[in-house]
PDB file of N, CA and C in Angstrom:
ATOM      1  N   UNK A   1      53.946  37.449  36.718  1.00  0.00           N
ATOM      2  CA  UNK A   1      53.535  36.667  37.861  1.00  0.00           C
ATOM      3  C   UNK A   1      54.569  35.587  38.167  1.00  0.00           C
ATOM      4  N   UNK A   2      55.211  35.038  37.138  1.00  0.00           N
ATOM      5  CA  UNK A   2      56.178  33.963  37.361  1.00  0.00           C
ATOM      6  C   UNK A   2      57.512  34.504  37.868  1.00  0.00           C
ATOM      7  N   UNK A   3      57.885  35.747  37.537  1.00  0.00           N
ATOM      8  CA  UNK A   3      59.179  36.306  37.959  1.00  0.00           C
ATOM      9  C   UNK A   3      59.315  36.396  39.474  1.00  0.00           C
ATOM     10  N   UNK A   4      58.319  36.891  40.219  1.00  0.00           N
ATOM     11  CA  UNK A   4      58.475  36.915  41.680  1.00  0.00           C
ATOM     12  C   UNK A   4      58.631  35.509  42.260  1.00  0.00           C
ATOM     13  N   UNK A   5      57.965  34.523  41.659  1.00  0.00           N
ATOM     14  CA  UNK A   5      58.065  33.143  42.123  1.00  0.00           C
ATOM     15  C   UNK A   5      59.482  32.612  41.919  1.00  0.00           C
ATOM     16  N   UNK A   6      60.057  32.873  40.751  1.00  0.00           N
ATOM     17  CA  UNK A   6      61.430  32.436  40.465  1.00  0.00           C
ATOM     18  C   UNK A   6      62.406  33.167  41.379  1.00  0.00           C
ATOM     19  N   UNK A   7      62.202  34.467  41.555  1.00  0.00           N
ATOM     20  CA  UNK A   7      63.071  35.236  42.442  1.00  0.00           C
ATOM     21  C   UNK A   7      63.027  34.720  43.870  1.00  0.00           C
ATOM     22  N   UNK A   8      61.847  34.382  44.351  1.00  0.00           N
ATOM     23  CA  UNK A   8      61.708  33.836  45.700  1.00  0.00           C
ATOM     24  C   UNK A   8      62.432  32.508  45.817  1.00  0.00           C
ATOM     25  N   UNK A   9      62.291  31.645  44.813  1.00  0.00           N
ATOM     26  CA  UNK A   9      62.951  30.339  44.840  1.00  0.00           C
ATOM     27  C   UNK A   9      64.469  30.470  44.827  1.00  0.00           C
ATOM     28  N   UNK A  10      64.979  31.374  44.015  1.00  0.00           N
ATOM     29  CA  UNK A  10      66.427  31.594  43.979  1.00  0.00           C
ATOM     30  C   UNK A  10      66.908  32.117  45.325  1.00  0.00           C
ATOM     31  N   UNK A  11      66.171  33.036  45.916  1.00  0.00           N
ATOM     32  CA  UNK A  11      66.530  33.551  47.242  1.00  0.00           C
ATOM     33  C   UNK A  11      66.481  32.445  48.290  1.00  0.00           C
ATOM     34  N   UNK A  12      65.470  31.614  48.252  1.00  0.00           N
ATOM     35  CA  UNK A  12      65.339  30.511  49.194  1.00  0.00           C
ATOM     36  C   UNK A  12      66.511  29.535  49.078  1.00  0.00           C
ATOM     37  N   UNK A  13      66.896  29.203  47.858  1.00  0.00           N
ATOM     38  CA  UNK A  13      68.035  28.310  47.645  1.00  0.00           C
ATOM     39  C   UNK A  13      69.317  28.960  48.153  1.00  0.00           C
ATOM     40  N   UNK A  14      69.511  30.246  47.876  1.00  0.00           N
ATOM     41  CA  UNK A  14      70.709  30.947  48.338  1.00  0.00           C
ATOM     42  C   UNK A  14      70.794  30.956  49.861  1.00  0.00           C
ATOM     43  N   UNK A  15      69.684  31.220  50.532  1.00  0.00           N
ATOM     44  CA  UNK A  15      69.664  31.215  52.007  1.00  0.00           C
ATOM     45  C   UNK A  15      69.972  29.820  52.536  1.00  0.00           C
ATOM     46  N   UNK A  16      69.416  28.798  51.913  1.00  0.00           N
ATOM     47  CA  UNK A  16      69.662  27.422  52.353  1.00  0.00           C
ATOM     48  C   UNK A  16      71.133  27.043  52.176  1.00  0.00           C
ATOM     49  N   UNK A  17      71.733  27.419  51.060  1.00  0.00           N
ATOM     50  CA  UNK A  17      73.149  27.105  50.812  1.00  0.00           C
ATOM     51  C   UNK A  17      74.039  27.847  51.804  1.00  0.00           C
ATOM     52  N   UNK A  18      73.754  29.118  52.048  1.00  0.00           N
ATOM     53  CA  UNK A  18      74.549  29.898  52.994  1.00  0.00           C
ATOM     54  C   UNK A  18      74.427  29.318  54.406  1.00  0.00           C
ATOM     55  N   UNK A  19      73.222  28.969  54.816  1.00  0.00           N
ATOM     56  CA  UNK A  19      73.023  28.372  56.145  1.00  0.00           C
ATOM     57  C   UNK A  19      73.758  27.034  56.250  1.00  0.00           C
ATOM     58  N   UNK A  20      73.690  26.218  55.209  1.00  0.00           N
ATOM     59  CA  UNK A  20      74.366  24.930  55.187  1.00  0.00           C
ATOM     60  C   UNK A  20      75.874  25.104  55.357  1.00  0.00           C
ATOM     61  N   UNK A  21      76.460  26.010  54.585  1.00  0.00           N
ATOM     62  CA  UNK A  21      77.900  26.226  54.656  1.00  0.00           C
ATOM     63  C   UNK A  21      78.321  26.824  55.996  1.00  0.00           C
ATOM     64  N   UNK A  22      77.502  27.712  56.562  1.00  0.00           N
ATOM     65  CA  UNK A  22      77.815  28.313  57.859  1.00  0.00           C
ATOM     66  C   UNK A  22      77.781  27.260  58.965  1.00  0.00           C
ATOM     67  N   UNK A  23      76.797  26.375  58.940  1.00  0.00           N
ATOM     68  CA  UNK A  23      76.706  25.312  59.943  1.00  0.00           C
ATOM     69  C   UNK A  23      77.887  24.353  59.805  1.00  0.00           C
ATOM     70  N   UNK A  24      78.252  24.013  58.584  1.00  0.00           N
ATOM     71  CA  UNK A  24      79.399  23.126  58.372  1.00  0.00           C
ATOM     72  C   UNK A  24      80.685  23.763  58.888  1.00  0.00           C
ATOM     73  N   UNK A  25      80.883  25.048  58.624  1.00  0.00           N
ATOM     74  CA  UNK A  25      82.087  25.742  59.107  1.00  0.00           C
ATOM     75  C   UNK A  25      82.112  25.780  60.631  1.00  0.00           C
ATOM     76  N   UNK A  26      80.972  26.009  61.234  1.00  0.00           N
ATOM     77  CA  UNK A  26      80.876  26.038  62.695  1.00  0.00           C
ATOM     78  C   UNK A  26      81.179  24.667  63.299  1.00  0.00           C
ATOM     79  N   UNK A  27      80.667  23.609  62.701  1.00  0.00           N
ATOM     80  CA  UNK A  27      80.920  22.256  63.188  1.00  0.00           C
ATOM     81  C   UNK A  27      82.410  21.925  63.088  1.00  0.00           C
ATOM     82  N   UNK A  28      83.027  22.238  61.961  1.00  0.00           N
ATOM     83  CA  UNK A  28      84.448  21.949  61.778  1.00  0.00           C
ATOM     84  C   UNK A  28      85.295  22.741  62.771  1.00  0.00           C
ATOM     85  N   UNK A  29      84.913  23.986  63.046  1.00  0.00           N
ATOM     86  CA  UNK A  29      85.695  24.836  63.946  1.00  0.00           C
ATOM     87  C   UNK A  29      85.514  24.472  65.417  1.00  0.00           C
ATOM     88  N   UNK A  30      84.343  24.002  65.803  1.00  0.00           N
ATOM     89  CA  UNK A  30      84.028  23.837  67.225  1.00  0.00           C
ATOM     90  C   UNK A  30      83.910  22.403  67.720  1.00  0.00           C
ATOM     91  N   UNK A  31      83.765  21.444  66.818  1.00  0.00           N
ATOM     92  CA  UNK A  31      83.544  20.059  67.251  1.00  0.00           C
ATOM     93  C   UNK A  31      84.678  19.159  66.768  1.00  0.00           C
ATOM     94  N   UNK A  32      85.049  18.199  67.599  1.00  0.00           N
ATOM     95  CA  UNK A  32      86.037  17.199  67.197  1.00  0.00           C
ATOM     96  C   UNK A  32      85.375  16.190  66.257  1.00  0.00           C
ATOM     97  N   UNK A  33      86.185  15.583  65.404  1.00  0.00           N
ATOM     98  CA  UNK A  33      85.675  14.574  64.480  1.00  0.00           C
ATOM     99  C   UNK A  33      85.072  13.419  65.280  1.00  0.00           C
ATOM    100  N   UNK A  34      83.844  13.057  64.982  1.00  0.00           N
ATOM    101  CA  UNK A  34      83.144  11.989  65.678  1.00  0.00           C
ATOM    102  C   UNK A  34      82.304  12.462  66.852  1.00  0.00           C
ATOM    103  N   UNK A  35      82.432  13.723  67.223  1.00  0.00           N
ATOM    104  CA  UNK A  35      81.648  14.259  68.344  1.00  0.00           C
ATOM    105  C   UNK A  35      80.204  14.505  67.904  1.00  0.00           C
ATOM    106  N   UNK A  36      79.283  14.346  68.847  1.00  0.00           N
ATOM    107  CA  UNK A  36      77.859  14.552  68.553  1.00  0.00           C
ATOM    108  C   UNK A  36      77.251  15.473  69.597  1.00  0.00           C
ATOM    109  N   UNK A  37      76.288  16.279  69.168  1.00  0.00           N
ATOM    110  CA  UNK A  37      75.501  17.130  70.053  1.00  0.00           C
ATOM    111  C   UNK A  37      74.048  16.711  69.885  1.00  0.00           C
ATOM    112  N   UNK A  38      73.462  16.222  70.969  1.00  0.00           N
ATOM    113  CA  UNK A  38      72.065  15.791  70.928  1.00  0.00           C
ATOM    114  C   UNK A  38      71.162  17.020  70.893  1.00  0.00           C
ATOM    115  N   UNK A  39      70.275  17.091  69.914  1.00  0.00           N
ATOM    116  CA  UNK A  39      69.333  18.194  69.810  1.00  0.00           C
ATOM    117  C   UNK A  39      67.968  17.796  70.347  1.00  0.00           C
ATOM    118  N   UNK A  40      67.387  16.814  69.737  1.00  0.00           N
ATOM    119  CA  UNK A  40      66.109  16.240  70.132  1.00  0.00           C
ATOM    120  C   UNK A  40      66.313  14.738  70.286  1.00  0.00           C
ATOM    121  N   UNK A  41      65.372  14.032  70.879  1.00  0.00           N
ATOM    122  CA  UNK A  41      65.566  12.576  71.024  1.00  0.00           C
ATOM    123  C   UNK A  41      65.811  11.858  69.699  1.00  0.00           C
ATOM    124  N   UNK A  42      65.363  12.416  68.607  1.00  0.00           N
ATOM    125  CA  UNK A  42      65.518  11.773  67.303  1.00  0.00           C
ATOM    126  C   UNK A  42      66.453  12.542  66.376  1.00  0.00           C
ATOM    127  N   UNK A  43      67.152  13.572  66.889  1.00  0.00           N
ATOM    128  CA  UNK A  43      67.978  14.426  66.035  1.00  0.00           C
ATOM    129  C   UNK A  43      69.264  14.803  66.758  1.00  0.00           C
ATOM    130  N   UNK A  44      70.395  14.601  66.091  1.00  0.00           N
ATOM    131  CA  UNK A  44      71.690  14.972  66.659  1.00  0.00           C
ATOM    132  C   UNK A  44      72.546  15.608  65.569  1.00  0.00           C
ATOM    133  N   UNK A  45      73.424  16.492  65.972  1.00  0.00           N
ATOM    134  CA  UNK A  45      74.407  17.091  65.074  1.00  0.00           C
ATOM    135  C   UNK A  45      75.691  16.310  65.270  1.00  0.00           C
ATOM    136  N   UNK A  46      76.162  15.622  64.226  1.00  0.00           N
ATOM    137  CA  UNK A  46      77.282  14.704  64.322  1.00  0.00           C
ATOM    138  C   UNK A  46      78.368  15.153  63.356  1.00  0.00           C
ATOM    139  N   UNK A  47      79.610  15.299  63.843  1.00  0.00           N
ATOM    140  CA  UNK A  47      80.716  15.709  62.989  1.00  0.00           C
ATOM    141  C   UNK A  47      81.303  14.480  62.308  1.00  0.00           C
ATOM    142  N   UNK A  48      81.055  14.370  61.016  1.00  0.00           N
ATOM    143  CA  UNK A  48      81.566  13.264  60.208  1.00  0.00           C
ATOM    144  C   UNK A  48      82.102  13.839  58.902  1.00  0.00           C
ATOM    145  N   UNK A  49      82.917  13.094  58.224  1.00  0.00           N
ATOM    146  CA  UNK A  49      83.470  13.516  56.941  1.00  0.00           C
ATOM    147  C   UNK A  49      82.902  12.653  55.827  1.00  0.00           C
ATOM    148  N   UNK A  50      82.545  13.270  54.724  1.00  0.00           N
ATOM    149  CA  UNK A  50      82.027  12.583  53.557  1.00  0.00           C
ATOM    150  C   UNK A  50      82.766  13.142  52.347  1.00  0.00           C
ATOM    151  N   UNK A  51      83.527  12.318  51.677  1.00  0.00           N
ATOM    152  CA  UNK A  51      84.321  12.800  50.546  1.00  0.00           C
ATOM    153  C   UNK A  51      83.558  12.750  49.227  1.00  0.00           C
ATOM    154  N   UNK A  52      82.359  12.261  49.249  1.00  0.00           N
ATOM    155  CA  UNK A  52      81.560  12.187  48.033  1.00  0.00           C
ATOM    156  C   UNK A  52      80.312  13.034  48.166  1.00  0.00           C
ATOM    157  N   UNK A  53      79.244  12.580  47.539  1.00  0.00           N
ATOM    158  CA  UNK A  53      77.966  13.285  47.627  1.00  0.00           C
ATOM    159  C   UNK A  53      77.178  12.570  48.722  1.00  0.00           C
ATOM    160  N   UNK A  54      75.990  12.128  48.495  1.00  0.00           N
ATOM    161  CA  UNK A  54      75.199  11.434  49.504  1.00  0.00           C
ATOM    162  C   UNK A  54      75.745  10.031  49.706  1.00  0.00           C
ATOM    163  N   UNK A  55      75.951   9.652  50.961  1.00  0.00           N
ATOM    164  CA  UNK A  55      76.411   8.320  51.320  1.00  0.00           C
ATOM    165  C   UNK A  55      77.735   7.964  50.645  1.00  0.00           C
ATOM    166  N   UNK A  56      78.594   8.967  50.441  1.00  0.00           N
ATOM    167  CA  UNK A  56      79.930   8.832  49.837  1.00  0.00           C
ATOM    168  C   UNK A  56      79.904   8.350  48.387  1.00  0.00           C
ATOM    169  N   UNK A  57      78.768   8.545  47.697  1.00  0.00           N
ATOM    170  CA  UNK A  57      78.736   8.216  46.270  1.00  0.00           C
ATOM    171  C   UNK A  57      79.679   9.173  45.536  1.00  0.00           C
ATOM    172  N   UNK A  58      80.314   8.707  44.511  1.00  0.00           N
ATOM    173  CA  UNK A  58      81.225   9.480  43.670  1.00  0.00           C
ATOM    174  C   UNK A  58      82.420  10.012  44.463  1.00  0.00           C
ATOM    175  N   UNK A  59      82.857   9.298  45.479  1.00  0.00           N
ATOM    176  CA  UNK A  59      83.964   9.748  46.328  1.00  0.00           C
ATOM    177  C   UNK A  59      85.262   9.865  45.537  1.00  0.00           C
ATOM    178  N   UNK A  60      85.416   9.122  44.478  1.00  0.00           N
ATOM    179  CA  UNK A  60      86.644   9.168  43.688  1.00  0.00           C
ATOM    180  C   UNK A  60      86.681  10.267  42.642  1.00  0.00           C
ATOM    181  N   UNK A  61      85.636  11.080  42.530  1.00  0.00           N
ATOM    182  CA  UNK A  61      85.585  12.108  41.504  1.00  0.00           C
ATOM    183  C   UNK A  61      86.532  13.268  41.783  1.00  0.00           C
ATOM    184  N   UNK A  62      86.862  13.529  43.029  1.00  0.00           N
ATOM    185  CA  UNK A  62      87.696  14.681  43.371  1.00  0.00           C
ATOM    186  C   UNK A  62      86.857  15.950  43.422  1.00  0.00           C
ATOM    187  N   UNK A  63      87.499  17.034  43.814  1.00  0.00           N
ATOM    188  CA  UNK A  63      86.784  18.304  43.988  1.00  0.00           C
ATOM    189  C   UNK A  63      86.217  18.842  42.683  1.00  0.00           C
ATOM    190  N   UNK A  64      87.000  18.815  41.630  1.00  0.00           N
ATOM    191  CA  UNK A  64      86.547  19.374  40.345  1.00  0.00           C
ATOM    192  C   UNK A  64      85.405  18.540  39.784  1.00  0.00           C
ATOM    193  N   UNK A  65      85.525  17.223  39.838  1.00  0.00           N
ATOM    194  CA  UNK A  65      84.475  16.351  39.324  1.00  0.00           C
ATOM    195  C   UNK A  65      83.170  16.517  40.076  1.00  0.00           C
ATOM    196  N   UNK A  66      83.258  16.616  41.411  1.00  0.00           N
ATOM    197  CA  UNK A  66      82.043  16.812  42.202  1.00  0.00           C
ATOM    198  C   UNK A  66      81.424  18.184  41.930  1.00  0.00           C
ATOM    199  N   UNK A  67      82.261  19.196  41.737  1.00  0.00           N
ATOM    200  CA  UNK A  67      81.748  20.532  41.423  1.00  0.00           C
ATOM    201  C   UNK A  67      81.025  20.537  40.083  1.00  0.00           C
ATOM    202  N   UNK A  68      81.607  19.884  39.092  1.00  0.00           N
ATOM    203  CA  UNK A  68      80.962  19.813  37.779  1.00  0.00           C
ATOM    204  C   UNK A  68      79.661  19.017  37.838  1.00  0.00           C
ATOM    205  N   UNK A  69      79.667  17.918  38.567  1.00  0.00           N
ATOM    206  CA  UNK A  69      78.447  17.125  38.719  1.00  0.00           C
ATOM    207  C   UNK A  69      77.368  17.924  39.436  1.00  0.00           C
ATOM    208  N   UNK A  70      77.736  18.640  40.484  1.00  0.00           N
ATOM    209  CA  UNK A  70      76.775  19.472  41.219  1.00  0.00           C
ATOM    210  C   UNK A  70      76.217  20.580  40.336  1.00  0.00           C
ATOM    211  N   UNK A  71      77.075  21.215  39.540  1.00  0.00           N
ATOM    212  CA  UNK A  71      76.617  22.271  38.633  1.00  0.00           C
ATOM    213  C   UNK A  71      75.653  21.692  37.599  1.00  0.00           C
ATOM    214  N   UNK A  72      75.942  20.520  37.081  1.00  0.00           N
ATOM    215  CA  UNK A  72      75.061  19.871  36.103  1.00  0.00           C
ATOM    216  C   UNK A  72      73.689  19.599  36.720  1.00  0.00           C
ATOM    217  N   UNK A  73      73.670  19.045  37.936  1.00  0.00           N
ATOM    218  CA  UNK A  73      72.401  18.752  38.607  1.00  0.00           C
ATOM    219  C   UNK A  73      71.645  20.046  38.876  1.00  0.00           C
ATOM    220  N   UNK A  74      72.340  21.092  39.292  1.00  0.00           N
ATOM    221  CA  UNK A  74      71.693  22.379  39.554  1.00  0.00           C
ATOM    222  C   UNK A  74      71.046  22.939  38.296  1.00  0.00           C
ATOM    223  N   UNK A  75      71.737  22.838  37.164  1.00  0.00           N
ATOM    224  CA  UNK A  75      71.167  23.324  35.901  1.00  0.00           C
ATOM    225  C   UNK A  75      69.917  22.523  35.543  1.00  0.00           C
ATOM    226  N   UNK A  76      69.956  21.223  35.729  1.00  0.00           N
ATOM    227  CA  UNK A  76      68.794  20.379  35.422  1.00  0.00           C
ATOM    228  C   UNK A  76      67.619  20.748  36.329  1.00  0.00           C
ATOM    229  N   UNK A  77      67.894  20.960  37.625  1.00  0.00           N
ATOM    230  CA  UNK A  77      66.818  21.297  38.573  1.00  0.00           C
ATOM    231  C   UNK A  77      66.225  22.648  38.249  1.00  0.00           C
ATOM    232  N   UNK A  78      67.076  23.610  37.926  1.00  0.00           N
ATOM    233  CA  UNK A  78      66.550  24.955  37.605  1.00  0.00           C
ATOM    234  C   UNK A  78      65.798  24.934  36.299  1.00  0.00           C
TER     235      UNK A  78
END
């Protein structure tokens, strides 16, 4: 009974990650830095750069450090 639940969660996370990366690639390819597209009165798609995690935390870690930190958090969450 627990295996289908875990499988569904892994699939859901994979779809979310793929959608996130596809949207980011589309924004980088089609929008200028600082450009915004209004979606709803309270929601806009804004092209900005963040060199860290949330709110530029750990910006000095570099790519490898952020990857290792992300992998560690993913293991803890799973």
